[in-house]
Amino acid sequence: MHDVAVLALHGVIAFDLTIPCETFGRLSLPDGYRVRVCGEGPEVRSAAFTIRAPWTLAEAAAADTVVVAGVEDPSLPVPDLAIEVVRTAAARGARVASICTGAFVLAAAGLLDGRRATTHWRAAQLLAARYPAVTVDANVLFVDEGSVLTSAGASAGLDLCLHMVRCDHGQAVAADAARLAVAPLDRAGGQAQFIRQDRPRADTSLAPLLDWMAENLARDFTVAEIAQRSGMTVRTFNRRFREQTGTSPIQWLLDARVRRAQELLETTRQSVEAIAAATGFEAPASFRARFRRTVGVSPAGYRQAFAGGRNEDAPAKSS
């Protein structure tokens, strides 16, 4: 049997904890999985309830696969024993994986140094800042670095666990596991399709300008025109814009246009051509290309996933 230890730390996200338990535990195979929940204490606190963990963290070090479930507040210090357990398991040759903010445990143990990794998109910036030796990719559902794997938040943990089943037992068994979970074995796109661009902070000097840009996405801007509106030279404006937003004016505009297009795809029956025009793209082809590059799926695929299967080119209803 393949022993899977699922680490439950205080503040554990219950959904993250149950995903590996259900994915690995439901499979009936002669050489299948034995799942053990290993808690930071005999009782582990989650947001909604308390969990009684049958095994301790120390017992996880001997498992074949160690999965670290995410916690609600990744800014809190990582417990020393959790760091020791994942280091010991990895040194033995065990496979070590994380779901959501569980990546902070792997990073604290040094297992992600020099590697590519992911976590929930809301925690990605914190992970990158705290562990600069880690290459954080916030756009993917999971990252497989061989013996060390990380996933984004929530349902991306299921994608990761199904991937590990496929690596262990092949496509057919993984497909059975997906059917048991009533989930697709492979999902199109990555985290990017779920990320929402933050509104500009009210205390930044460019906030009124950013609001104006967001309200006029259909206009054909040039950086010189925007800089003139802000009362700055182009050089000063570009520098100030990057300082306050972390990106260039053109990239900010493109991202804002795609995010607005996402909203329209979710909430209206406008055609792709109409949405392209409404969000400032010169042609539907350029819109489709930019949308796929940013979100990871086509506009039609996005609408199918997030708008109840509305047809991409259905005419808009008159009100």
Protein backbone atom coordinates (compact mmCIF):
# COMPACT_ATOMS: atom_id res chain seq x y z
CA MET A 1 0.00 0.00 0.00
CA HIS A 2 1.03 3.56 -0.69
CA ASP A 3 0.78 5.62 2.51
CA VAL A 4 -0.54 9.16 2.04
CA ALA A 5 -0.16 11.47 5.03
CA VAL A 6 -2.29 14.62 4.94
CA LEU A 7 -0.99 17.34 7.25
CA ALA A 8 -3.62 19.34 9.13
CA LEU A 9 -2.25 22.43 10.85
CA HIS A 10 -4.25 24.77 13.06
CA GLY A 11 -6.41 27.01 10.88
CA VAL A 12 -6.58 24.31 8.20
CA ILE A 13 -8.89 24.93 5.25
CA ALA A 14 -11.37 22.08 5.56
CA PHE A 15 -11.90 21.77 1.81
CA ASP A 16 -8.16 21.44 1.20
CA LEU A 17 -7.95 18.76 3.87
CA THR A 18 -10.75 16.61 2.49
CA ILE A 19 -9.65 16.67 -1.17
CA PRO A 20 -6.71 14.23 -0.81
CA CYS A 21 -8.65 12.13 1.70
CA GLU A 22 -11.50 11.63 -0.76
CA THR A 23 -9.43 11.38 -3.95
CA PHE A 24 -6.96 8.79 -2.69
CA GLY A 25 -9.23 7.13 -0.14
CA ARG A 26 -12.09 6.26 -2.49
CA LEU A 27 -10.00 4.20 -4.90
CA SER A 28 -10.20 0.44 -4.47
CA LEU A 29 -6.94 -0.96 -5.81
CA PRO A 30 -4.84 -3.98 -4.80
CA ASP A 31 -1.83 -1.67 -4.46
CA GLY A 32 -3.81 1.46 -3.69
CA TYR A 33 -3.62 4.15 -1.04
CA ARG A 34 -3.90 4.27 2.72
CA VAL A 35 -4.73 7.81 3.86
CA ARG A 36 -3.84 9.18 7.29
CA VAL A 37 -4.72 12.62 8.61
CA CYS A 38 -1.85 13.85 10.75
CA GLY A 39 -2.69 16.77 13.00
CA GLU A 40 -0.67 19.49 14.64
CA GLY A 41 -2.47 18.43 17.80
CA PRO A 42 -5.05 15.79 18.82
CA GLU A 43 -7.66 18.39 17.87
CA VAL A 44 -7.07 20.80 14.99
CA ARG A 45 -8.96 24.04 14.62
CA SER A 46 -10.58 25.01 11.33
CA ALA A 47 -12.80 28.00 10.64
CA ALA A 48 -16.09 26.13 11.02
CA PHE A 49 -15.31 23.19 13.31
CA THR A 50 -12.66 21.24 15.18
CA ILE A 51 -11.06 18.13 13.68
CA ARG A 52 -9.88 15.13 15.67
CA ALA A 53 -6.78 13.89 13.88
CA PRO A 54 -5.98 10.18 14.46
CA TRP A 55 -2.25 10.59 13.79
CA THR A 56 0.44 13.09 14.76
CA LEU A 57 2.60 15.24 12.52
CA ALA A 58 5.66 13.20 13.44
CA GLU A 59 4.04 10.04 12.05
CA ALA A 60 3.74 11.69 8.62
CA ALA A 61 7.50 11.61 8.10
CA ALA A 62 7.39 7.90 7.19
CA ALA A 63 4.68 8.23 4.50
CA ASP A 64 5.23 7.63 0.79
CA THR A 65 3.38 10.86 -0.07
CA VAL A 66 2.94 13.85 2.21
CA VAL A 67 0.24 16.38 1.30
CA VAL A 68 0.15 19.67 3.20
CA ALA A 69 -3.31 21.20 3.27
CA GLY A 70 -3.65 24.99 3.18
CA VAL A 71 -4.34 27.23 6.15
CA GLU A 72 -6.57 30.29 6.36
CA ASP A 73 -3.80 32.71 7.36
CA PRO A 74 -0.51 32.05 5.56
CA SER A 75 1.10 35.08 7.19
CA LEU A 76 1.40 33.18 10.50
CA PRO A 77 4.71 31.42 11.29
CA VAL A 78 5.01 27.86 10.00
CA PRO A 79 5.25 25.36 12.88
CA ASP A 80 8.78 24.00 13.34
CA LEU A 81 7.55 20.41 13.53
CA ALA A 82 5.75 20.72 10.18
CA ILE A 83 8.99 21.98 8.62
CA GLU A 84 10.94 19.10 10.13
CA VAL A 85 8.39 16.53 8.96
CA VAL A 86 8.36 17.58 5.31
CA ARG A 87 12.16 17.87 5.26
CA THR A 88 12.54 14.39 6.72
CA ALA A 89 10.01 12.92 4.30
CA ALA A 90 11.67 14.56 1.31
CA ALA A 91 15.13 13.41 2.43
CA ARG A 92 13.79 9.84 2.56
CA GLY A 93 12.62 10.16 -1.04
CA ALA A 94 8.93 10.66 -0.32
CA ARG A 95 6.77 12.70 -2.65
CA VAL A 96 5.78 15.98 -0.99
CA ALA A 97 2.85 18.07 -2.21
CA SER A 98 0.88 21.08 -1.08
CA ILE A 99 -2.61 22.39 -1.68
CA CYS A 100 -3.25 26.12 -1.69
CA THR A 101 -1.29 27.89 1.09
CA GLY A 102 0.28 24.61 2.15
CA ALA A 103 3.05 25.78 -0.20
CA PHE A 104 4.27 28.05 2.60
CA VAL A 105 5.25 24.96 4.61
CA LEU A 106 7.22 23.52 1.70
CA ALA A 107 8.87 26.88 1.11
CA ALA A 108 9.78 27.28 4.78
CA ALA A 109 11.41 23.84 4.64
CA GLY A 110 13.52 24.93 1.66
CA LEU A 111 11.94 22.35 -0.65
CA LEU A 112 10.87 24.99 -3.17
CA ASP A 113 14.19 26.84 -3.43
CA GLY A 114 15.21 27.08 -7.07
CA ARG A 115 11.93 25.49 -8.13
CA ARG A 116 8.76 26.70 -9.77
CA ALA A 117 5.71 26.58 -7.50
CA THR A 118 2.18 27.88 -7.15
CA THR A 119 -0.36 28.66 -4.45
CA HIS A 120 -3.72 30.39 -4.27
CA TRP A 121 -3.52 33.55 -6.38
CA ARG A 122 -4.40 35.74 -3.39
CA ALA A 123 -1.35 34.44 -1.51
CA ALA A 124 1.08 34.30 -4.44
CA GLN A 125 2.56 37.76 -3.89
CA LEU A 126 3.19 37.01 -0.20
CA LEU A 127 4.84 33.68 -1.04
CA ALA A 128 7.13 35.32 -3.60
CA ALA A 129 8.07 38.15 -1.23
CA ARG A 130 8.79 35.89 1.72
CA TYR A 131 10.70 33.25 -0.25
CA PRO A 132 12.55 34.97 -3.12
CA ALA A 133 14.39 31.76 -4.04
CA VAL A 134 11.05 30.31 -5.21
CA THR A 135 9.73 31.02 -8.71
CA VAL A 136 6.05 31.60 -8.01
CA ASP A 137 3.64 31.10 -10.93
CA ALA A 138 0.18 32.35 -9.95
CA ASN A 139 -1.40 31.49 -13.31
CA VAL A 140 -1.41 27.69 -13.18
CA LEU A 141 -3.56 25.12 -11.41
CA PHE A 142 -0.62 23.03 -10.23
CA VAL A 143 3.12 22.57 -10.73
CA ASP A 144 4.85 19.19 -10.91
CA GLU A 145 8.55 19.40 -10.07
CA GLY A 146 8.99 15.65 -9.78
CA SER A 147 9.12 14.78 -6.09
CA VAL A 148 7.75 18.18 -5.06
CA LEU A 149 4.35 19.36 -6.27
CA THR A 150 2.22 22.40 -5.47
CA SER A 151 -1.31 23.42 -6.37
CA ALA A 152 -3.42 26.53 -6.40
CA GLY A 153 -6.34 26.90 -4.05
CA ALA A 154 -9.54 24.98 -3.51
CA SER A 155 -10.55 22.79 -6.46
CA ALA A 156 -7.04 23.00 -7.95
CA GLY A 157 -6.08 20.59 -5.19
CA LEU A 158 -8.33 18.05 -6.86
CA ASP A 159 -6.55 18.62 -10.17
CA LEU A 160 -3.25 17.95 -8.41
CA CYS A 161 -4.44 14.80 -6.64
CA LEU A 162 -5.88 13.38 -9.86
CA HIS A 163 -2.56 14.15 -11.55
CA MET A 164 -0.70 12.20 -8.85
CA VAL A 165 -3.08 9.26 -9.27
CA ARG A 166 -2.39 9.33 -13.01
CA CYS A 167 1.37 9.37 -12.36
CA ASP A 168 1.04 6.39 -10.00
CA HIS A 169 -1.51 4.22 -11.83
CA GLY A 170 -2.08 5.58 -15.31
CA GLN A 171 -4.81 7.34 -17.24
CA ALA A 172 -7.59 4.77 -16.76
CA VAL A 173 -7.37 4.73 -12.96
CA ALA A 174 -7.15 8.51 -12.87
CA ALA A 175 -10.25 8.73 -15.06
CA ASP A 176 -12.07 6.46 -12.59
CA ALA A 177 -10.98 8.72 -9.73
CA ALA A 178 -12.27 11.75 -11.65
CA ARG A 179 -15.62 10.05 -12.24
CA LEU A 180 -15.93 9.25 -8.52
CA ALA A 181 -15.27 12.92 -7.79
CA VAL A 182 -17.72 13.96 -10.55
CA ALA A 183 -14.98 16.19 -11.93
CA PRO A 184 -13.08 16.53 -15.20
CA LEU A 185 -9.72 14.79 -15.32
CA ASP A 186 -8.19 17.76 -17.14
CA ARG A 187 -9.37 21.35 -16.96
CA ALA A 188 -8.64 23.97 -19.58
CA GLY A 189 -6.77 27.07 -18.52
CA GLY A 190 -5.24 27.93 -15.18
CA GLN A 191 -5.75 30.20 -12.19
CA ALA A 192 -5.72 33.24 -14.41
CA GLN A 193 -9.36 32.68 -15.35
CA PHE A 194 -10.35 33.08 -11.68
CA ILE A 195 -8.20 36.10 -10.77
CA ARG A 196 -9.86 39.46 -10.38
CA GLN A 197 -7.83 42.61 -10.84
CA ASP A 198 -7.78 44.67 -7.64
CA ARG A 199 -9.32 48.10 -7.73
CA PRO A 200 -6.76 50.88 -7.31
CA ARG A 201 -6.20 51.91 -3.70
CA ALA A 202 -7.87 55.18 -2.81
CA ASP A 203 -4.70 56.50 -1.15
CA THR A 204 -2.57 56.35 -4.31
CA SER A 205 -2.12 59.51 -6.33
CA LEU A 206 -3.06 57.72 -9.56
CA ALA A 207 -6.31 56.26 -8.20
CA PRO A 208 -8.61 58.85 -9.88
CA LEU A 209 -6.80 58.35 -13.19
CA LEU A 210 -7.05 54.56 -12.91
CA ASP A 211 -10.76 54.88 -12.21
CA TRP A 212 -11.15 57.05 -15.31
CA MET A 213 -9.19 54.55 -17.43
CA ALA A 214 -11.35 51.69 -16.15
CA GLU A 215 -14.51 53.60 -17.04
CA ASN A 216 -13.28 54.36 -20.57
CA LEU A 217 -11.83 51.05 -21.70
CA ALA A 218 -13.41 51.27 -25.15
CA ARG A 219 -11.34 54.35 -25.98
CA ASP A 220 -8.14 54.09 -28.01
CA PHE A 221 -5.56 55.38 -25.53
CA THR A 222 -1.92 56.25 -26.06
CA VAL A 223 0.49 56.56 -23.16
CA ALA A 224 1.19 60.16 -24.18
CA GLU A 225 -2.51 61.03 -23.91
CA ILE A 226 -2.84 59.42 -20.49
CA ALA A 227 0.34 61.10 -19.26
CA GLN A 228 -0.97 64.46 -20.47
CA ARG A 229 -4.20 63.93 -18.55
CA SER A 230 -2.16 63.19 -15.42
CA GLY A 231 -0.11 66.35 -15.90
CA MET A 232 3.19 64.48 -16.18
CA THR A 233 5.77 63.85 -18.83
CA VAL A 234 5.62 60.40 -20.38
CA ARG A 235 8.84 59.37 -18.63
CA THR A 236 7.67 60.52 -15.20
CA PHE A 237 4.22 59.02 -15.74
CA ASN A 238 5.61 55.61 -16.73
CA ARG A 239 7.85 55.57 -13.65
CA ARG A 240 5.09 56.68 -11.28
CA PHE A 241 2.60 54.24 -12.82
CA ARG A 242 4.92 51.27 -12.35
CA GLU A 243 5.68 52.32 -8.77
CA GLN A 244 2.00 52.36 -7.88
CA THR A 245 0.64 49.47 -9.93
CA GLY A 246 3.65 47.21 -10.52
CA THR A 247 3.15 47.22 -14.27
CA SER A 248 3.14 49.47 -17.34
CA PRO A 249 0.14 51.60 -18.43
CA ILE A 250 -0.40 49.51 -21.57
CA GLN A 251 -0.26 46.22 -19.69
CA TRP A 252 -2.64 47.58 -17.06
CA LEU A 253 -5.06 48.60 -19.78
CA LEU A 254 -4.88 45.24 -21.51
CA ASP A 255 -5.49 43.40 -18.23
CA ALA A 256 -8.35 45.73 -17.31
CA ARG A 257 -9.94 45.20 -20.72
CA VAL A 258 -9.73 41.42 -20.37
CA ARG A 259 -11.20 41.54 -16.86
CA ARG A 260 -14.08 43.67 -18.12
CA ALA A 261 -14.59 41.21 -20.96
CA GLN A 262 -14.79 38.41 -18.39
CA GLU A 263 -17.57 40.27 -16.60
CA LEU A 264 -19.48 40.76 -19.85
CA LEU A 265 -19.07 37.12 -20.82
CA GLU A 266 -20.41 36.07 -17.41
CA THR A 267 -23.34 38.46 -17.19
CA THR A 268 -24.53 39.22 -20.73
CA ARG A 269 -25.37 37.48 -23.98
CA GLN A 270 -23.42 39.96 -26.10
CA SER A 271 -21.47 38.47 -28.97
CA VAL A 272 -17.71 38.25 -28.87
CA GLU A 273 -17.56 40.96 -31.53
CA ALA A 274 -19.63 43.30 -29.39
CA ILE A 275 -17.57 42.58 -26.29
CA ALA A 276 -14.34 43.14 -28.19
CA ALA A 277 -15.55 46.56 -29.29
CA ALA A 278 -16.89 47.44 -25.84
CA THR A 279 -13.55 46.70 -24.21
CA GLY A 280 -11.31 48.57 -26.64
CA PHE A 281 -9.97 45.83 -28.89
CA GLU A 282 -9.57 46.71 -32.56
CA ALA A 283 -10.77 43.33 -33.86
CA PRO A 284 -12.36 40.14 -32.51
CA ALA A 285 -9.27 38.16 -33.56
CA SER A 286 -6.93 40.30 -31.47
CA PHE A 287 -9.40 40.13 -28.58
CA ARG A 288 -9.56 36.34 -28.72
CA ALA A 289 -5.77 36.05 -28.84
CA ARG A 290 -5.24 38.43 -25.91
CA PHE A 291 -8.02 36.81 -23.88
CA ARG A 292 -6.56 33.33 -24.30
CA ARG A 293 -3.05 34.59 -23.52
CA THR A 294 -4.23 36.26 -20.30
CA VAL A 295 -6.92 33.88 -19.07
CA GLY A 296 -5.73 30.59 -20.51
CA VAL A 297 -8.97 29.70 -22.29
CA SER A 298 -10.95 31.12 -25.21
CA PRO A 299 -13.84 33.56 -24.63
CA ALA A 300 -16.22 30.76 -25.59
CA GLY A 301 -14.62 28.38 -23.12
CA TYR A 302 -14.76 30.99 -20.39
CA ARG A 303 -18.43 31.72 -21.03
CA GLN A 304 -19.18 28.01 -21.01
CA ALA A 305 -17.53 27.63 -17.60
CA PHE A 306 -18.81 30.77 -15.89
CA ALA A 307 -22.05 31.79 -17.56
CA GLY A 308 -24.10 28.63 -17.59
CA GLY A 309 -23.20 27.58 -21.12
CA ARG A 310 -24.34 30.69 -22.99
CA ASN A 311 -23.47 30.55 -26.64
CA GLU A 312 -20.47 32.73 -27.51
CA ASP A 313 -22.15 34.33 -30.48
CA ALA A 314 -25.71 34.47 -29.16
CA PRO A 315 -27.35 37.79 -29.93
CA ALA A 316 -27.86 40.20 -27.06
CA LYS A 317 -31.38 40.27 -25.65
CA SER A 318 -33.17 43.54 -25.87
CA SER A 319 -34.43 44.83 -22.57
